[in-house]
Amino acid sequence: MHLDFGAFLNTLPIMGYGMAGIFIVILTIMLSVKIMTVLTGKKQNNQ
């Protein structure tokens, strides 16, 4: 099996963009859920 190290280094930026995109989408979903929870959350009565 032959590993072309130059090709691997050429693909690193593409993989980095993909990982950054996934990270941004996860953060966007988390912030959206947090904002919706703050806006529509109901307070519990402690009895």
PDB file of N, CA and C in Angstrom:
ATOM      1  N   MET A   1       0.852  -1.187   0.000  1.00  0.00           N
ATOM      2  CA  MET A   1       0.000   0.000   0.000  1.00  0.00           C
ATOM      3  C   MET A   1       0.888   1.237   0.000  1.00  0.00           C
ATOM      4  N   HIS A   2       0.560   2.163  -0.878  1.00  0.00           N
ATOM      5  CA  HIS A   2       1.360   3.375  -1.020  1.00  0.00           C
ATOM      6  C   HIS A   2       0.545   4.579  -0.556  1.00  0.00           C
ATOM      7  N   LEU A   3       1.147   5.376   0.314  1.00  0.00           N
ATOM      8  CA  LEU A   3       0.493   6.583   0.812  1.00  0.00           C
ATOM      9  C   LEU A   3       1.186   7.789   0.199  1.00  0.00           C
ATOM     10  N   ASP A   4       0.446   8.540  -0.572  1.00  0.00           N
ATOM     11  CA  ASP A   4       0.996   9.754  -1.188  1.00  0.00           C
ATOM     12  C   ASP A   4       0.858  10.900  -0.195  1.00  0.00           C
ATOM     13  N   PHE A   5       1.968  11.216   0.462  1.00  0.00           N
ATOM     14  CA  PHE A   5       1.935  12.211   1.528  1.00  0.00           C
ATOM     15  C   PHE A   5       1.591  13.606   1.003  1.00  0.00           C
ATOM     16  N   GLY A   6       2.037  13.922  -0.207  1.00  0.00           N
ATOM     17  CA  GLY A   6       1.713  15.219  -0.800  1.00  0.00           C
ATOM     18  C   GLY A   6       0.223  15.384  -1.043  1.00  0.00           C
ATOM     19  N   ALA A   7      -0.419  14.313  -1.521  1.00  0.00           N
ATOM     20  CA  ALA A   7      -1.874  14.365  -1.742  1.00  0.00           C
ATOM     21  C   ALA A   7      -2.614  14.484  -0.413  1.00  0.00           C
ATOM     22  N   PHE A   8      -2.089  13.806   0.606  1.00  0.00           N
ATOM     23  CA  PHE A   8      -2.703  13.904   1.937  1.00  0.00           C
ATOM     24  C   PHE A   8      -2.649  15.343   2.438  1.00  0.00           C
ATOM     25  N   LEU A   9      -1.494  15.981   2.269  1.00  0.00           N
ATOM     26  CA  LEU A   9      -1.370  17.373   2.720  1.00  0.00           C
ATOM     27  C   LEU A   9      -2.269  18.305   1.903  1.00  0.00           C
ATOM     28  N   ASN A  10      -2.507  17.976   0.639  1.00  0.00           N
ATOM     29  CA  ASN A  10      -3.391  18.797  -0.185  1.00  0.00           C
ATOM     30  C   ASN A  10      -4.848  18.672   0.235  1.00  0.00           C
ATOM     31  N   THR A  11      -5.232  17.548   0.813  1.00  0.00           N
ATOM     32  CA  THR A  11      -6.623  17.355   1.218  1.00  0.00           C
ATOM     33  C   THR A  11      -6.918  17.863   2.626  1.00  0.00           C
ATOM     34  N   LEU A  12      -5.888  18.179   3.401  1.00  0.00           N
ATOM     35  CA  LEU A  12      -6.117  18.649   4.772  1.00  0.00           C
ATOM     36  C   LEU A  12      -6.982  19.912   4.843  1.00  0.00           C
ATOM     37  N   PRO A  13      -6.777  20.918   3.990  1.00  0.00           N
ATOM     38  CA  PRO A  13      -7.661  22.095   4.070  1.00  0.00           C
ATOM     39  C   PRO A  13      -9.127  21.750   3.783  1.00  0.00           C
ATOM     40  N   ILE A  14      -9.369  20.842   2.862  1.00  0.00           N
ATOM     41  CA  ILE A  14     -10.749  20.450   2.547  1.00  0.00           C
ATOM     42  C   ILE A  14     -11.381  19.777   3.758  1.00  0.00           C
ATOM     43  N   MET A  15     -10.635  18.874   4.401  1.00  0.00           N
ATOM     44  CA  MET A  15     -11.152  18.213   5.604  1.00  0.00           C
ATOM     45  C   MET A  15     -11.361  19.217   6.730  1.00  0.00           C
ATOM     46  N   GLY A  16     -10.474  20.198   6.816  1.00  0.00           N
ATOM     47  CA  GLY A  16     -10.616  21.230   7.843  1.00  0.00           C
ATOM     48  C   GLY A  16     -11.878  22.055   7.649  1.00  0.00           C
ATOM     49  N   TYR A  17     -12.179  22.410   6.383  1.00  0.00           N
ATOM     50  CA  TYR A  17     -13.416  23.158   6.111  1.00  0.00           C
ATOM     51  C   TYR A  17     -14.648  22.328   6.474  1.00  0.00           C
ATOM     52  N   GLY A  18     -14.606  21.051   6.182  1.00  0.00           N
ATOM     53  CA  GLY A  18     -15.731  20.182   6.517  1.00  0.00           C
ATOM     54  C   GLY A  18     -15.947  20.079   8.011  1.00  0.00           C
ATOM     55  N   MET A  19     -14.858  19.896   8.747  1.00  0.00           N
ATOM     56  CA  MET A  19     -14.971  19.794  10.207  1.00  0.00           C
ATOM     57  C   MET A  19     -15.430  21.113  10.816  1.00  0.00           C
ATOM     58  N   ALA A  20     -14.934  22.233  10.292  1.00  0.00           N
ATOM     59  CA  ALA A  20     -15.359  23.543  10.786  1.00  0.00           C
ATOM     60  C   ALA A  20     -16.841  23.771  10.498  1.00  0.00           C
ATOM     61  N   GLY A  21     -17.296  23.341   9.319  1.00  0.00           N
ATOM     62  CA  GLY A  21     -18.710  23.479   8.978  1.00  0.00           C
ATOM     63  C   GLY A  21     -19.603  22.690   9.916  1.00  0.00           C
ATOM     64  N   ILE A  22     -19.197  21.452  10.222  1.00  0.00           N
ATOM     65  CA  ILE A  22     -19.975  20.638  11.157  1.00  0.00           C
ATOM     66  C   ILE A  22     -20.009  21.301  12.529  1.00  0.00           C
ATOM     67  N   PHE A  23     -18.879  21.820  12.991  1.00  0.00           N
ATOM     68  CA  PHE A  23     -18.804  22.493  14.286  1.00  0.00           C
ATOM     69  C   PHE A  23     -19.725  23.711  14.325  1.00  0.00           C
ATOM     70  N   ILE A  24     -19.735  24.503  13.257  1.00  0.00           N
ATOM     71  CA  ILE A  24     -20.584  25.701  13.201  1.00  0.00           C
ATOM     72  C   ILE A  24     -22.063  25.317  13.213  1.00  0.00           C
ATOM     73  N   VAL A  25     -22.430  24.259  12.489  1.00  0.00           N
ATOM     74  CA  VAL A  25     -23.829  23.819  12.471  1.00  0.00           C
ATOM     75  C   VAL A  25     -24.250  23.344  13.852  1.00  0.00           C
ATOM     76  N   ILE A  26     -23.408  22.581  14.535  1.00  0.00           N
ATOM     77  CA  ILE A  26     -23.743  22.108  15.879  1.00  0.00           C
ATOM     78  C   ILE A  26     -23.910  23.286  16.834  1.00  0.00           C
ATOM     79  N   LEU A  27     -23.007  24.257  16.768  1.00  0.00           N
ATOM     80  CA  LEU A  27     -23.136  25.439  17.636  1.00  0.00           C
ATOM     81  C   LEU A  27     -24.412  26.226  17.332  1.00  0.00           C
ATOM     82  N   THR A  28     -24.757  26.345  16.049  1.00  0.00           N
ATOM     83  CA  THR A  28     -25.984  27.055  15.668  1.00  0.00           C
ATOM     84  C   THR A  28     -27.213  26.358  16.235  1.00  0.00           C
ATOM     85  N   ILE A  29     -27.258  25.040  16.141  1.00  0.00           N
ATOM     86  CA  ILE A  29     -28.394  24.287  16.680  1.00  0.00           C
ATOM     87  C   ILE A  29     -28.455  24.442  18.194  1.00  0.00           C
ATOM     88  N   MET A  30     -27.301  24.344  18.863  1.00  0.00           N
ATOM     89  CA  MET A  30     -27.291  24.483  20.326  1.00  0.00           C
ATOM     90  C   MET A  30     -27.774  25.860  20.761  1.00  0.00           C
ATOM     91  N   LEU A  31     -27.304  26.911  20.081  1.00  0.00           N
ATOM     92  CA  LEU A  31     -27.738  28.261  20.435  1.00  0.00           C
ATOM     93  C   LEU A  31     -29.214  28.475  20.145  1.00  0.00           C
ATOM     94  N   SER A  32     -29.719  27.911  19.049  1.00  0.00           N
ATOM     95  CA  SER A  32     -31.141  28.036  18.726  1.00  0.00           C
ATOM     96  C   SER A  32     -31.999  27.381  19.795  1.00  0.00           C
ATOM     97  N   VAL A  33     -31.601  26.197  20.233  1.00  0.00           N
ATOM     98  CA  VAL A  33     -32.361  25.497  21.276  1.00  0.00           C
ATOM     99  C   VAL A  33     -32.308  26.282  22.583  1.00  0.00           C
ATOM    100  N   LYS A  34     -31.133  26.837  22.923  1.00  0.00           N
ATOM    101  CA  LYS A  34     -30.997  27.619  24.150  1.00  0.00           C
ATOM    102  C   LYS A  34     -31.884  28.860  24.107  1.00  0.00           C
ATOM    103  N   ILE A  35     -31.898  29.550  22.983  1.00  0.00           N
ATOM    104  CA  ILE A  35     -32.731  30.756  22.846  1.00  0.00           C
ATOM    105  C   ILE A  35     -34.209  30.400  22.934  1.00  0.00           C
ATOM    106  N   MET A  36     -34.620  29.318  22.270  1.00  0.00           N
ATOM    107  CA  MET A  36     -36.030  28.913  22.341  1.00  0.00           C
ATOM    108  C   MET A  36     -36.421  28.501  23.755  1.00  0.00           C
ATOM    109  N   THR A  37     -35.496  27.880  24.478  1.00  0.00           N
ATOM    110  CA  THR A  37     -35.781  27.487  25.859  1.00  0.00           C
ATOM    111  C   THR A  37     -35.954  28.711  26.739  1.00  0.00           C
ATOM    112  N   VAL A  38     -35.115  29.704  26.542  1.00  0.00           N
ATOM    113  CA  VAL A  38     -35.224  30.933  27.342  1.00  0.00           C
ATOM    114  C   VAL A  38     -36.519  31.669  27.019  1.00  0.00           C
ATOM    115  N   LEU A  39     -36.883  31.728  25.750  1.00  0.00           N
ATOM    116  CA  LEU A  39     -38.077  32.477  25.352  1.00  0.00           C
ATOM    117  C   LEU A  39     -39.372  31.775  25.715  1.00  0.00           C
ATOM    118  N   THR A  40     -39.417  30.455  25.649  1.00  0.00           N
ATOM    119  CA  THR A  40     -40.670  29.740  25.854  1.00  0.00           C
ATOM    120  C   THR A  40     -40.679  28.857  27.092  1.00  0.00           C
ATOM    121  N   GLY A  41     -39.600  28.865  27.862  1.00  0.00           N
ATOM    122  CA  GLY A  41     -39.526  27.999  29.036  1.00  0.00           C
ATOM    123  C   GLY A  41     -40.526  28.439  30.091  1.00  0.00           C
ATOM    124  N   LYS A  42     -41.114  27.453  30.768  1.00  0.00           N
ATOM    125  CA  LYS A  42     -42.067  27.744  31.827  1.00  0.00           C
ATOM    126  C   LYS A  42     -41.387  27.562  33.159  1.00  0.00           C
ATOM    127  N   LYS A  43     -41.671  28.457  34.065  1.00  0.00           N
ATOM    128  CA  LYS A  43     -41.088  28.351  35.389  1.00  0.00           C
ATOM    129  C   LYS A  43     -41.895  27.362  36.230  1.00  0.00           C
ATOM    130  N   GLN A  44     -41.205  26.562  37.015  1.00  0.00           N
ATOM    131  CA  GLN A  44     -41.883  25.562  37.842  1.00  0.00           C
ATOM    132  C   GLN A  44     -42.200  26.169  39.206  1.00  0.00           C
ATOM    133  N   ASN A  45     -43.354  25.793  39.739  1.00  0.00           N
ATOM    134  CA  ASN A  45     -43.739  26.223  41.071  1.00  0.00           C
ATOM    135  C   ASN A  45     -43.267  25.179  42.069  1.00  0.00           C
ATOM    136  N   ASN A  46     -42.493  25.603  43.052  1.00  0.00           N
ATOM    137  CA  ASN A  46     -42.038  24.687  44.100  1.00  0.00           C
ATOM    138  C   ASN A  46     -43.038  24.713  45.241  1.00  0.00           C
ATOM    139  N   GLN A  47     -43.772  23.623  45.384  1.00  0.00           N
ATOM    140  CA  GLN A  47     -44.796  23.581  46.427  1.00  0.00           C
ATOM    141  C   GLN A  47     -44.439  22.582  47.485  1.00  0.00           C
TER     142      GLN A  47
END
